[in-house]
PDB file of N, CA and C in Angstrom:
ATOM      1  N   PHE A   1       4.917  20.883  -0.071  1.00  0.00           N
ATOM      2  CA  PHE A   1       3.581  20.526  -0.289  1.00  0.00           C
ATOM      3  C   PHE A   1       2.830  21.547  -1.155  1.00  0.00           C
ATOM      4  N   LYS A   2       3.729  22.010  -2.208  1.00  0.00           N
ATOM      5  CA  LYS A   2       3.072  22.874  -3.205  1.00  0.00           C
ATOM      6  C   LYS A   2       2.034  22.228  -4.020  1.00  0.00           C
ATOM      7  N   GLY A   3       0.923  23.004  -4.127  1.00  0.00           N
ATOM      8  CA  GLY A   3      -0.079  22.506  -4.977  1.00  0.00           C
ATOM      9  C   GLY A   3      -1.168  22.012  -4.042  1.00  0.00           C
ATOM     10  N   TYR A   4      -1.034  21.738  -2.929  1.00  0.00           N
ATOM     11  CA  TYR A   4      -1.957  21.296  -1.838  1.00  0.00           C
ATOM     12  C   TYR A   4      -2.718  22.574  -1.214  1.00  0.00           C
ATOM     13  N   PRO A   5      -3.877  22.535  -1.086  1.00  0.00           N
ATOM     14  CA  PRO A   5      -4.585  23.598  -0.190  1.00  0.00           C
ATOM     15  C   PRO A   5      -3.999  23.815   1.057  1.00  0.00           C
ATOM     16  N   ASN A   6      -3.606  25.088   1.413  1.00  0.00           N
ATOM     17  CA  ASN A   6      -3.183  25.269   2.805  1.00  0.00           C
ATOM     18  C   ASN A   6      -1.890  24.503   3.143  1.00  0.00           C
ATOM     19  N   ASN A   7      -1.069  24.183   2.235  1.00  0.00           N
ATOM     20  CA  ASN A   7       0.121  23.387   2.212  1.00  0.00           C
ATOM     21  C   ASN A   7      -0.132  22.023   3.142  1.00  0.00           C
ATOM     22  N   ALA A   8      -1.264  21.412   2.854  1.00  0.00           N
ATOM     23  CA  ALA A   8      -1.580  20.158   3.465  1.00  0.00           C
ATOM     24  C   ALA A   8      -1.601  20.264   4.837  1.00  0.00           C
ATOM     25  N   ASN A   9      -2.015  21.453   5.422  1.00  0.00           N
ATOM     26  CA  ASN A   9      -1.938  21.663   6.900  1.00  0.00           C
ATOM     27  C   ASN A   9      -0.691  21.435   7.648  1.00  0.00           C
ATOM     28  N   PHE A  10       0.488  21.399   6.903  1.00  0.00           N
ATOM     29  CA  PHE A  10       1.831  21.290   7.459  1.00  0.00           C
ATOM     30  C   PHE A  10       2.152  22.651   7.996  1.00  0.00           C
ATOM     31  N   PRO A  11       2.647  22.844   9.204  1.00  0.00           N
ATOM     32  CA  PRO A  11       2.941  24.115   9.784  1.00  0.00           C
ATOM     33  C   PRO A  11       4.267  24.767   9.071  1.00  0.00           C
ATOM     34  N   LYS A  12       4.207  26.044   9.048  1.00  0.00           N
ATOM     35  CA  LYS A  12       5.544  26.800   8.430  1.00  0.00           C
ATOM     36  C   LYS A  12       6.613  26.636   9.315  1.00  0.00           C
ATOM     37  N   SER A  13       6.424  26.472  10.693  1.00  0.00           N
ATOM     38  CA  SER A  13       7.515  26.360  11.615  1.00  0.00           C
ATOM     39  C   SER A  13       7.117  25.319  12.695  1.00  0.00           C
ATOM     40  N   ILE A  14       7.957  24.690  13.399  1.00  0.00           N
ATOM     41  CA  ILE A  14       7.598  23.856  14.527  1.00  0.00           C
ATOM     42  C   ILE A  14       8.311  24.308  15.627  1.00  0.00           C
ATOM     43  N   SER A  15       7.624  24.924  16.701  1.00  0.00           N
ATOM     44  CA  SER A  15       8.255  25.579  17.819  1.00  0.00           C
ATOM     45  C   SER A  15       8.502  24.725  19.060  1.00  0.00           C
ATOM     46  N   THR A  16       7.931  23.593  19.193  1.00  0.00           N
ATOM     47  CA  THR A  16       8.320  22.778  20.371  1.00  0.00           C
ATOM     48  C   THR A  16       8.841  21.472  19.975  1.00  0.00           C
ATOM     49  N   LYS A  17       9.635  20.924  20.953  1.00  0.00           N
ATOM     50  CA  LYS A  17      10.143  19.525  20.696  1.00  0.00           C
ATOM     51  C   LYS A  17       9.080  18.426  20.595  1.00  0.00           C
ATOM     52  N   GLU A  18       8.033  18.743  21.341  1.00  0.00           N
ATOM     53  CA  GLU A  18       6.745  17.786  21.201  1.00  0.00           C
ATOM     54  C   GLU A  18       6.260  17.772  20.082  1.00  0.00           C
ATOM     55  N   LYS A  19       6.046  18.944  19.362  1.00  0.00           N
ATOM     56  CA  LYS A  19       5.472  18.924  18.019  1.00  0.00           C
ATOM     57  C   LYS A  19       6.410  18.294  16.958  1.00  0.00           C
ATOM     58  N   LEU A  20       7.704  18.622  17.163  1.00  0.00           N
ATOM     59  CA  LEU A  20       8.731  18.026  16.225  1.00  0.00           C
ATOM     60  C   LEU A  20       8.596  16.422  16.260  1.00  0.00           C
ATOM     61  N   ALA A  21       8.639  15.935  17.641  1.00  0.00           N
ATOM     62  CA  ALA A  21       8.552  14.600  17.778  1.00  0.00           C
ATOM     63  C   ALA A  21       7.216  13.953  17.081  1.00  0.00           C
ATOM     64  N   GLU A  22       6.118  14.716  17.269  1.00  0.00           N
ATOM     65  CA  GLU A  22       4.952  14.291  16.610  1.00  0.00           C
ATOM     66  C   GLU A  22       5.042  14.148  15.062  1.00  0.00           C
ATOM     67  N   TYR A  23       5.482  15.323  14.426  1.00  0.00           N
ATOM     68  CA  TYR A  23       5.640  15.198  12.964  1.00  0.00           C
ATOM     69  C   TYR A  23       6.640  14.208  12.496  1.00  0.00           C
ATOM     70  N   LEU A  24       7.863  14.050  13.267  1.00  0.00           N
ATOM     71  CA  LEU A  24       8.776  13.043  12.725  1.00  0.00           C
ATOM     72  C   LEU A  24       8.351  11.540  12.868  1.00  0.00           C
ATOM     73  N   THR A  25       7.450  11.357  14.012  1.00  0.00           N
ATOM     74  CA  THR A  25       6.869  10.153  14.265  1.00  0.00           C
ATOM     75  C   THR A  25       5.762   9.752  13.156  1.00  0.00           C
ATOM     76  N   ALA A  26       5.028  10.699  12.873  1.00  0.00           N
ATOM     77  CA  ALA A  26       4.074  10.525  11.688  1.00  0.00           C
ATOM     78  C   ALA A  26       4.931  10.230  10.340  1.00  0.00           C
ATOM     79  N   ILE A  27       6.027  10.934  10.117  1.00  0.00           N
ATOM     80  CA  ILE A  27       6.586  10.677   8.869  1.00  0.00           C
ATOM     81  C   ILE A  27       7.233   9.263   8.819  1.00  0.00           C
ATOM     82  N   LEU A  28       7.924   8.808   9.892  1.00  0.00           N
ATOM     83  CA  LEU A  28       8.598   7.589  10.084  1.00  0.00           C
ATOM     84  C   LEU A  28       7.536   6.584   9.947  1.00  0.00           C
ATOM     85  N   VAL A  29       6.364   6.732  10.591  1.00  0.00           N
ATOM     86  CA  VAL A  29       5.447   5.640  10.512  1.00  0.00           C
ATOM     87  C   VAL A  29       4.847   5.491   9.052  1.00  0.00           C
ATOM     88  N   ASN A  30       4.669   6.570   8.384  1.00  0.00           N
ATOM     89  CA  ASN A  30       4.178   6.547   6.996  1.00  0.00           C
ATOM     90  C   ASN A  30       5.280   5.953   6.060  1.00  0.00           C
ATOM     91  N   ILE A  31       6.449   6.265   6.277  1.00  0.00           N
ATOM     92  CA  ILE A  31       7.515   5.677   5.317  1.00  0.00           C
ATOM     93  C   ILE A  31       7.999   4.321   5.650  1.00  0.00           C
ATOM     94  N   SER A  32       7.649   3.761   6.734  1.00  0.00           N
ATOM     95  CA  SER A  32       8.081   2.374   7.118  1.00  0.00           C
ATOM     96  C   SER A  32       6.971   1.463   7.347  1.00  0.00           C
ATOM     97  N   THR A  33       6.325   1.675   8.625  1.00  0.00           N
ATOM     98  CA  THR A  33       5.294   0.647   8.955  1.00  0.00           C
ATOM     99  C   THR A  33       4.152   0.663   8.097  1.00  0.00           C
ATOM    100  N   PHE A  34       3.524   1.936   7.884  1.00  0.00           N
ATOM    101  CA  PHE A  34       2.428   1.957   6.904  1.00  0.00           C
ATOM    102  C   PHE A  34       2.660   1.494   5.526  1.00  0.00           C
ATOM    103  N   HIS A  35       3.877   1.764   5.154  1.00  0.00           N
ATOM    104  CA  HIS A  35       4.248   1.406   3.684  1.00  0.00           C
ATOM    105  C   HIS A  35       4.324  -0.148   3.751  1.00  0.00           C
ATOM    106  N   THR A  36       4.908  -0.684   4.668  1.00  0.00           N
ATOM    107  CA  THR A  36       5.162  -2.078   4.753  1.00  0.00           C
ATOM    108  C   THR A  36       3.767  -2.871   4.743  1.00  0.00           C
ATOM    109  N   ALA A  37       2.884  -2.361   5.653  1.00  0.00           N
ATOM    110  CA  ALA A  37       1.585  -3.014   5.830  1.00  0.00           C
ATOM    111  C   ALA A  37       0.690  -2.958   4.691  1.00  0.00           C
ATOM    112  N   VAL A  38       0.763  -1.871   4.012  1.00  0.00           N
ATOM    113  CA  VAL A  38       0.104  -1.602   2.741  1.00  0.00           C
ATOM    114  C   VAL A  38       0.598  -2.425   1.514  1.00  0.00           C
ATOM    115  N   ASN A  39       1.932  -2.421   1.431  1.00  0.00           N
ATOM    116  CA  ASN A  39       2.525  -3.055   0.289  1.00  0.00           C
ATOM    117  C   ASN A  39       2.812  -4.401   0.320  1.00  0.00           C
ATOM    118  N   PHE A  40       3.280  -4.950   1.459  1.00  0.00           N
ATOM    119  CA  PHE A  40       3.782  -6.381   1.459  1.00  0.00           C
ATOM    120  C   PHE A  40       2.778  -7.475   1.394  1.00  0.00           C
ATOM    121  N   GLN A  41       1.474  -7.001   1.702  1.00  0.00           N
ATOM    122  CA  GLN A  41       0.316  -8.094   1.779  1.00  0.00           C
ATOM    123  C   GLN A  41      -0.492  -7.866   0.400  1.00  0.00           C
ATOM    124  N   THR A  42      -0.044  -7.219  -0.512  1.00  0.00           N
ATOM    125  CA  THR A  42      -0.969  -6.870  -1.604  1.00  0.00           C
ATOM    126  C   THR A  42      -1.246  -8.201  -2.469  1.00  0.00           C
ATOM    127  N   PHE A  43      -0.254  -9.008  -2.541  1.00  0.00           N
ATOM    128  CA  PHE A  43      -0.471 -10.222  -3.454  1.00  0.00           C
ATOM    129  C   PHE A  43      -1.272 -11.154  -2.773  1.00  0.00           C
ATOM    130  N   THR A  44      -1.289 -11.300  -1.355  1.00  0.00           N
ATOM    131  CA  THR A  44      -2.087 -12.121  -0.694  1.00  0.00           C
ATOM    132  C   THR A  44      -3.562 -11.850  -0.810  1.00  0.00           C
ATOM    133  N   SER A  45      -3.928 -10.477  -0.769  1.00  0.00           N
ATOM    134  CA  SER A  45      -5.282  -9.919  -0.954  1.00  0.00           C
ATOM    135  C   SER A  45      -5.616  -9.959  -2.379  1.00  0.00           C
ATOM    136  N   TYR A  46      -4.854  -9.387  -3.320  1.00  0.00           N
ATOM    137  CA  TYR A  46      -5.228  -9.009  -4.613  1.00  0.00           C
ATOM    138  C   TYR A  46      -4.769 -10.064  -5.709  1.00  0.00           C
ATOM    139  N   GLY A  47      -4.018 -10.962  -5.323  1.00  0.00           N
ATOM    140  CA  GLY A  47      -3.540 -11.993  -6.374  1.00  0.00           C
ATOM    141  C   GLY A  47      -4.570 -12.770  -6.832  1.00  0.00           C
ATOM    142  N   PHE A  48      -5.708 -13.037  -6.347  1.00  0.00           N
ATOM    143  CA  PHE A  48      -6.828 -13.730  -6.748  1.00  0.00           C
ATOM    144  C   PHE A  48      -8.010 -12.804  -7.189  1.00  0.00           C
ATOM    145  N   SER A  49      -8.220 -12.519  -8.338  1.00  0.00           N
ATOM    146  CA  SER A  49      -9.158 -11.524  -8.776  1.00  0.00           C
ATOM    147  C   SER A  49     -10.595 -11.372  -8.068  1.00  0.00           C
ATOM    148  N   PRO A  50     -11.144 -12.485  -7.967  1.00  0.00           N
ATOM    149  CA  PRO A  50     -12.428 -12.378  -7.237  1.00  0.00           C
ATOM    150  C   PRO A  50     -12.408 -11.845  -5.813  1.00  0.00           C
ATOM    151  N   ASN A  51     -11.320 -11.940  -5.156  1.00  0.00           N
ATOM    152  CA  ASN A  51     -11.155 -11.293  -3.839  1.00  0.00           C
ATOM    153  C   ASN A  51     -11.314  -9.755  -3.958  1.00  0.00           C
ATOM    154  N   ALA A  52     -10.606  -9.145  -4.896  1.00  0.00           N
ATOM    155  CA  ALA A  52     -10.620  -7.730  -4.932  1.00  0.00           C
ATOM    156  C   ALA A  52     -10.566  -7.342  -6.426  1.00  0.00           C
ATOM    157  N   PRO A  53     -11.476  -7.432  -7.273  1.00  0.00           N
ATOM    158  CA  PRO A  53     -11.184  -7.300  -8.671  1.00  0.00           C
ATOM    159  C   PRO A  53     -10.814  -5.759  -8.902  1.00  0.00           C
ATOM    160  N   SER A  54      -9.927  -5.561  -9.843  1.00  0.00           N
ATOM    161  CA  SER A  54      -9.392  -4.275 -10.051  1.00  0.00           C
ATOM    162  C   SER A  54     -10.403  -3.310 -10.818  1.00  0.00           C
ATOM    163  N   CYS A  55     -11.387  -4.092 -11.474  1.00  0.00           N
ATOM    164  CA  CYS A  55     -12.493  -3.317 -12.141  1.00  0.00           C
ATOM    165  C   CYS A  55     -13.732  -4.337 -12.270  1.00  0.00           C
ATOM    166  N   VAL A  56     -14.846  -3.863 -12.512  1.00  0.00           N
ATOM    167  CA  VAL A  56     -15.956  -4.815 -12.702  1.00  0.00           C
ATOM    168  C   VAL A  56     -16.720  -4.312 -14.025  1.00  0.00           C
ATOM    169  N   LEU A  57     -17.199  -5.187 -14.762  1.00  0.00           N
ATOM    170  CA  LEU A  57     -17.676  -5.049 -16.042  1.00  0.00           C
ATOM    171  C   LEU A  57     -19.256  -4.865 -16.115  1.00  0.00           C
ATOM    172  N   GLN A  58     -19.859  -5.006 -14.867  1.00  0.00           N
ATOM    173  CA  GLN A  58     -21.247  -4.809 -14.930  1.00  0.00           C
ATOM    174  C   GLN A  58     -21.575  -3.674 -13.771  1.00  0.00           C
ATOM    175  N   PRO A  59     -22.649  -3.043 -14.006  1.00  0.00           N
ATOM    176  CA  PRO A  59     -23.047  -1.885 -12.954  1.00  0.00           C
ATOM    177  C   PRO A  59     -23.432  -2.610 -11.669  1.00  0.00           C
ATOM    178  N   PRO A  60     -23.354  -1.788 -10.611  1.00  0.00           N
ATOM    179  CA  PRO A  60     -23.716  -2.411  -9.262  1.00  0.00           C
ATOM    180  C   PRO A  60     -25.178  -2.781  -9.267  1.00  0.00           C
ATOM    181  N   PRO A  61     -25.514  -3.867  -8.620  1.00  0.00           N
ATOM    182  CA  PRO A  61     -27.029  -4.189  -8.588  1.00  0.00           C
ATOM    183  C   PRO A  61     -27.691  -3.207  -7.925  1.00  0.00           C
ATOM    184  N   LYS A  62     -29.086  -3.110  -8.328  1.00  0.00           N
ATOM    185  CA  LYS A  62     -30.096  -2.282  -7.554  1.00  0.00           C
ATOM    186  C   LYS A  62     -30.330  -3.066  -6.252  1.00  0.00           C
ATOM    187  N   GLN A  63     -30.902  -2.196  -5.381  1.00  0.00           N
ATOM    188  CA  GLN A  63     -31.252  -2.807  -4.059  1.00  0.00           C
ATOM    189  C   GLN A  63     -32.190  -3.951  -4.164  1.00  0.00           C
ATOM    190  N   GLU A  64     -33.168  -3.796  -5.022  1.00  0.00           N
ATOM    191  CA  GLU A  64     -34.154  -4.989  -5.151  1.00  0.00           C
ATOM    192  C   GLU A  64     -33.561  -6.163  -5.940  1.00  0.00           C
ATOM    193  N   GLU A  65     -32.617  -6.024  -6.663  1.00  0.00           N
ATOM    194  CA  GLU A  65     -32.148  -7.139  -7.514  1.00  0.00           C
ATOM    195  C   GLU A  65     -31.447  -8.276  -6.752  1.00  0.00           C
ATOM    196  N   SER A  66     -31.690  -9.391  -7.265  1.00  0.00           N
ATOM    197  CA  SER A  66     -30.985 -10.623  -6.537  1.00  0.00           C
ATOM    198  C   SER A  66     -29.749 -10.872  -7.338  1.00  0.00           C
ATOM    199  N   VAL A  67     -28.684 -11.095  -6.643  1.00  0.00           N
ATOM    200  CA  VAL A  67     -27.302 -11.396  -7.258  1.00  0.00           C
ATOM    201  C   VAL A  67     -27.045 -12.816  -7.356  1.00  0.00           C
ATOM    202  N   THR A  68     -26.971 -13.220  -8.719  1.00  0.00           N
ATOM    203  CA  THR A  68     -26.630 -14.557  -9.008  1.00  0.00           C
ATOM    204  C   THR A  68     -25.283 -14.698  -9.090  1.00  0.00           C
ATOM    205  N   LEU A  69     -24.830 -16.116  -9.053  1.00  0.00           N
ATOM    206  CA  LEU A  69     -23.294 -16.341  -9.440  1.00  0.00           C
ATOM    207  C   LEU A  69     -22.912 -16.004 -10.782  1.00  0.00           C
ATOM    208  N   GLU A  70     -23.817 -16.206 -11.756  1.00  0.00           N
ATOM    209  CA  GLU A  70     -23.657 -15.856 -13.127  1.00  0.00           C
ATOM    210  C   GLU A  70     -23.332 -14.361 -13.315  1.00  0.00           C
ATOM    211  N   ARG A  71     -24.058 -13.363 -12.560  1.00  0.00           N
ATOM    212  CA  ARG A  71     -23.928 -12.131 -12.446  1.00  0.00           C
ATOM    213  C   ARG A  71     -22.530 -11.728 -11.990  1.00  0.00           C
ATOM    214  N   VAL A  72     -22.060 -12.287 -10.828  1.00  0.00           N
ATOM    215  CA  VAL A  72     -20.872 -12.164 -10.263  1.00  0.00           C
ATOM    216  C   VAL A  72     -19.735 -12.356 -11.312  1.00  0.00           C
ATOM    217  N   PHE A  73     -19.831 -13.598 -11.830  1.00  0.00           N
ATOM    218  CA  PHE A  73     -18.672 -14.119 -12.936  1.00  0.00           C
ATOM    219  C   PHE A  73     -18.738 -12.981 -14.129  1.00  0.00           C
ATOM    220  N   ASP A  74     -19.935 -12.529 -14.509  1.00  0.00           N
ATOM    221  CA  ASP A  74     -20.110 -11.677 -15.666  1.00  0.00           C
ATOM    222  C   ASP A  74     -19.375 -10.253 -15.282  1.00  0.00           C
ATOM    223  N   SER A  75     -19.243  -9.912 -13.916  1.00  0.00           N
ATOM    224  CA  SER A  75     -18.766  -8.735 -13.608  1.00  0.00           C
ATOM    225  C   SER A  75     -17.389  -8.666 -13.369  1.00  0.00           C
ATOM    226  N   LEU A  76     -16.726  -9.798 -13.258  1.00  0.00           N
ATOM    227  CA  LEU A  76     -15.284 -10.022 -13.072  1.00  0.00           C
ATOM    228  C   LEU A  76     -14.488  -9.398 -14.264  1.00  0.00           C
ATOM    229  N   PRO A  77     -13.320  -8.948 -14.189  1.00  0.00           N
ATOM    230  CA  PRO A  77     -12.438  -8.403 -15.369  1.00  0.00           C
ATOM    231  C   PRO A  77     -12.071  -9.687 -16.170  1.00  0.00           C
ATOM    232  N   VAL A  78     -11.794  -9.207 -17.327  1.00  0.00           N
ATOM    233  CA  VAL A  78     -11.230 -10.458 -18.298  1.00  0.00           C
ATOM    234  C   VAL A  78      -9.874 -10.839 -17.886  1.00  0.00           C
ATOM    235  N   LYS A  79      -9.424 -12.006 -18.317  1.00  0.00           N
ATOM    236  CA  LYS A  79      -8.239 -12.557 -17.784  1.00  0.00           C
ATOM    237  C   LYS A  79      -7.009 -11.744 -17.973  1.00  0.00           C
ATOM    238  N   GLU A  80      -6.928 -10.902 -18.969  1.00  0.00           N
ATOM    239  CA  GLU A  80      -5.759 -10.095 -19.268  1.00  0.00           C
ATOM    240  C   GLU A  80      -5.657  -8.997 -18.175  1.00  0.00           C
ATOM    241  N   ILE A  81      -6.823  -8.384 -17.862  1.00  0.00           N
ATOM    242  CA  ILE A  81      -6.812  -7.305 -16.905  1.00  0.00           C
ATOM    243  C   ILE A  81      -6.448  -7.929 -15.540  1.00  0.00           C
ATOM    244  N   ALA A  82      -7.098  -9.127 -15.206  1.00  0.00           N
ATOM    245  CA  ALA A  82      -6.846  -9.840 -13.918  1.00  0.00           C
ATOM    246  C   ALA A  82      -5.441 -10.112 -13.808  1.00  0.00           C
ATOM    247  N   PHE A  83      -4.712 -10.598 -14.883  1.00  0.00           N
ATOM    248  CA  PHE A  83      -3.318 -10.917 -14.932  1.00  0.00           C
ATOM    249  C   PHE A  83      -2.483  -9.620 -14.584  1.00  0.00           C
ATOM    250  N   ILE A  84      -2.858  -8.595 -15.136  1.00  0.00           N
ATOM    251  CA  ILE A  84      -2.131  -7.214 -14.931  1.00  0.00           C
ATOM    252  C   ILE A  84      -2.221  -6.867 -13.484  1.00  0.00           C
ATOM    253  N   SER A  85      -3.408  -6.965 -12.941  1.00  0.00           N
ATOM    254  CA  SER A  85      -3.641  -6.613 -11.603  1.00  0.00           C
ATOM    255  C   SER A  85      -2.855  -7.585 -10.683  1.00  0.00           C
ATOM    256  N   MET A  86      -2.828  -8.887 -11.031  1.00  0.00           N
ATOM    257  CA  MET A  86      -2.048  -9.885 -10.166  1.00  0.00           C
ATOM    258  C   MET A  86      -0.520  -9.504 -10.259  1.00  0.00           C
ATOM    259  N   ASN A  87      -0.121  -9.221 -11.495  1.00  0.00           N
ATOM    260  CA  ASN A  87       1.363  -8.868 -11.685  1.00  0.00           C
ATOM    261  C   ASN A  87       1.775  -7.600 -10.898  1.00  0.00           C
ATOM    262  N   VAL A  88       0.950  -6.503 -10.958  1.00  0.00           N
ATOM    263  CA  VAL A  88       1.170  -5.299 -10.249  1.00  0.00           C
ATOM    264  C   VAL A  88       1.273  -5.590  -8.603  1.00  0.00           C
ATOM    265  N   SER A  89       0.366  -6.397  -8.250  1.00  0.00           N
ATOM    266  CA  SER A  89       0.238  -6.660  -6.720  1.00  0.00           C
ATOM    267  C   SER A  89       1.424  -7.601  -6.286  1.00  0.00           C
ATOM    268  N   TYR A  90       1.853  -8.482  -7.158  1.00  0.00           N
ATOM    269  CA  TYR A  90       2.992  -9.284  -6.805  1.00  0.00           C
ATOM    270  C   TYR A  90       4.284  -8.443  -6.710  1.00  0.00           C
ATOM    271  N   ASN A  91       4.456  -7.582  -7.783  1.00  0.00           N
ATOM    272  CA  ASN A  91       5.659  -6.775  -7.731  1.00  0.00           C
ATOM    273  C   ASN A  91       5.662  -5.761  -6.634  1.00  0.00           C
ATOM    274  N   LEU A  92       4.554  -5.226  -6.209  1.00  0.00           N
ATOM    275  CA  LEU A  92       4.685  -4.266  -5.188  1.00  0.00           C
ATOM    276  C   LEU A  92       4.874  -5.019  -3.804  1.00  0.00           C
ATOM    277  N   GLY A  93       4.680  -6.349  -3.726  1.00  0.00           N
ATOM    278  CA  GLY A  93       4.904  -7.041  -2.488  1.00  0.00           C
ATOM    279  C   GLY A  93       6.235  -7.707  -2.419  1.00  0.00           C
ATOM    280  N   GLN A  94       7.104  -7.363  -3.354  1.00  0.00           N
ATOM    281  CA  GLN A  94       8.342  -8.019  -3.378  1.00  0.00           C
ATOM    282  C   GLN A  94       9.313  -7.055  -2.660  1.00  0.00           C
ATOM    283  N   TYR A  95      10.386  -7.747  -1.925  1.00  0.00           N
ATOM    284  CA  TYR A  95      11.300  -7.094  -1.187  1.00  0.00           C
ATOM    285  C   TYR A  95      12.399  -6.539  -2.336  1.00  0.00           C
ATOM    286  N   SER A  96      12.989  -5.355  -2.214  1.00  0.00           N
ATOM    287  CA  SER A  96      13.950  -4.827  -3.174  1.00  0.00           C
ATOM    288  C   SER A  96      15.211  -5.619  -2.813  1.00  0.00           C
ATOM    289  N   PRO A  97      16.074  -5.977  -3.935  1.00  0.00           N
ATOM    290  CA  PRO A  97      17.352  -6.677  -3.756  1.00  0.00           C
ATOM    291  C   PRO A  97      18.404  -5.806  -2.944  1.00  0.00           C
ATOM    292  N   ILE A  98      18.172  -4.502  -2.839  1.00  0.00           N
ATOM    293  CA  ILE A  98      19.174  -3.780  -2.232  1.00  0.00           C
ATOM    294  C   ILE A  98      18.534  -3.289  -0.748  1.00  0.00           C
ATOM    295  N   GLU A  99      17.534  -3.889  -0.349  1.00  0.00           N
ATOM    296  CA  GLU A  99      16.858  -3.496   0.948  1.00  0.00           C
ATOM    297  C   GLU A  99      17.676  -4.064   2.090  1.00  0.00           C
ATOM    298  N   LYS A 100      17.823  -3.292   3.085  1.00  0.00           N
ATOM    299  CA  LYS A 100      18.437  -3.724   4.328  1.00  0.00           C
ATOM    300  C   LYS A 100      17.584  -3.779   5.481  1.00  0.00           C
ATOM    301  N   PHE A 101      17.481  -4.710   6.300  1.00  0.00           N
ATOM    302  CA  PHE A 101      16.578  -4.833   7.491  1.00  0.00           C
ATOM    303  C   PHE A 101      17.433  -4.534   8.786  1.00  0.00           C
ATOM    304  N   TYR A 102      17.272  -3.374   9.238  1.00  0.00           N
ATOM    305  CA  TYR A 102      18.157  -2.916  10.285  1.00  0.00           C
ATOM    306  C   TYR A 102      17.908  -3.694  11.602  1.00  0.00           C
ATOM    307  N   LEU A 103      16.774  -4.064  11.802  1.00  0.00           N
ATOM    308  CA  LEU A 103      16.414  -4.697  13.133  1.00  0.00           C
ATOM    309  C   LEU A 103      16.562  -6.284  13.034  1.00  0.00           C
ATOM    310  N   SER A 104      16.878  -6.873  11.857  1.00  0.00           N
ATOM    311  CA  SER A 104      16.940  -8.305  11.771  1.00  0.00           C
ATOM    312  C   SER A 104      18.110  -8.957  12.572  1.00  0.00           C
ATOM    313  N   SER A 105      19.185  -8.443  12.564  1.00  0.00           N
ATOM    314  CA  SER A 105      20.266  -8.961  13.438  1.00  0.00           C
ATOM    315  C   SER A 105      21.310  -7.824  13.771  1.00  0.00           C
ATOM    316  N   PRO A 106      21.355  -7.625  15.019  1.00  0.00           N
ATOM    317  CA  PRO A 106      22.146  -6.489  15.574  1.00  0.00           C
ATOM    318  C   PRO A 106      23.637  -6.426  15.075  1.00  0.00           C
ATOM    319  N   GLY A 107      24.152  -7.633  14.876  1.00  0.00           N
ATOM    320  CA  GLY A 107      25.691  -7.611  14.280  1.00  0.00           C
ATOM    321  C   GLY A 107      25.794  -7.010  12.984  1.00  0.00           C
ATOM    322  N   GLU A 108      24.696  -6.924  12.162  1.00  0.00           N
ATOM    323  CA  GLU A 108      24.836  -6.470  10.847  1.00  0.00           C
ATOM    324  C   GLU A 108      24.471  -4.994  10.759  1.00  0.00           C
ATOM    325  N   ASN A 109      24.037  -4.369  11.962  1.00  0.00           N
ATOM    326  CA  ASN A 109      23.605  -2.995  11.929  1.00  0.00           C
ATOM    327  C   ASN A 109      24.615  -2.070  11.922  1.00  0.00           C
ATOM    328  N   LYS A 110      25.939  -2.462  12.205  1.00  0.00           N
ATOM    329  CA  LYS A 110      27.063  -1.558  12.286  1.00  0.00           C
ATOM    330  C   LYS A 110      27.331  -0.924  11.058  1.00  0.00           C
ATOM    331  N   ARG A 111      27.718   0.326  11.078  1.00  0.00           N
ATOM    332  CA  ARG A 111      28.254   1.000   9.801  1.00  0.00           C
ATOM    333  C   ARG A 111      29.567   0.387   9.456  1.00  0.00           C
ATOM    334  N   ARG A 112      30.011   0.330   8.162  1.00  0.00           N
ATOM    335  CA  ARG A 112      31.116  -0.196   7.643  1.00  0.00           C
ATOM    336  C   ARG A 112      32.320   0.244   8.328  1.00  0.00           C
ATOM    337  N   ASP A 113      32.468   1.673   8.610  1.00  0.00           N
ATOM    338  CA  ASP A 113      33.810   2.148   9.182  1.00  0.00           C
ATOM    339  C   ASP A 113      33.781   1.816  10.792  1.00  0.00           C
ATOM    340  N   ASP A 114      32.506   1.412  11.357  1.00  0.00           N
ATOM    341  CA  ASP A 114      32.705   0.843  12.702  1.00  0.00           C
ATOM    342  C   ASP A 114      33.239  -0.554  13.018  1.00  0.00           C
ATOM    343  N   ARG A 115      33.403  -1.314  11.943  1.00  0.00           N
ATOM    344  CA  ARG A 115      33.852  -2.606  11.986  1.00  0.00           C
ATOM    345  C   ARG A 115      35.318  -2.720  12.296  1.00  0.00           C
TER     346      ARG A 115
END
């Protein structure tokens, strides 16, 4: 955690099993469940630019301004930027060809030397 103030509040030592379990749980959730939830649904949400545009070309409207459909369309990114955003979200949502799903079928979870 070099470069983060106060080492990102990570302790220099962990003195109890309960604290070790807490930190390991947080790490495992962040590298598995959280990562999956964030990345594997990106194309569903961001694949259509009006759902979540990667940039807007107009300033936000003032409180008293009325927002027209024309203003919304003028705010959307150009097609080249929208395509790049779609492509990035699509690729982030793909499974790796070398990925192994350990909980999908118990018979495949054995190590090679256990067979």
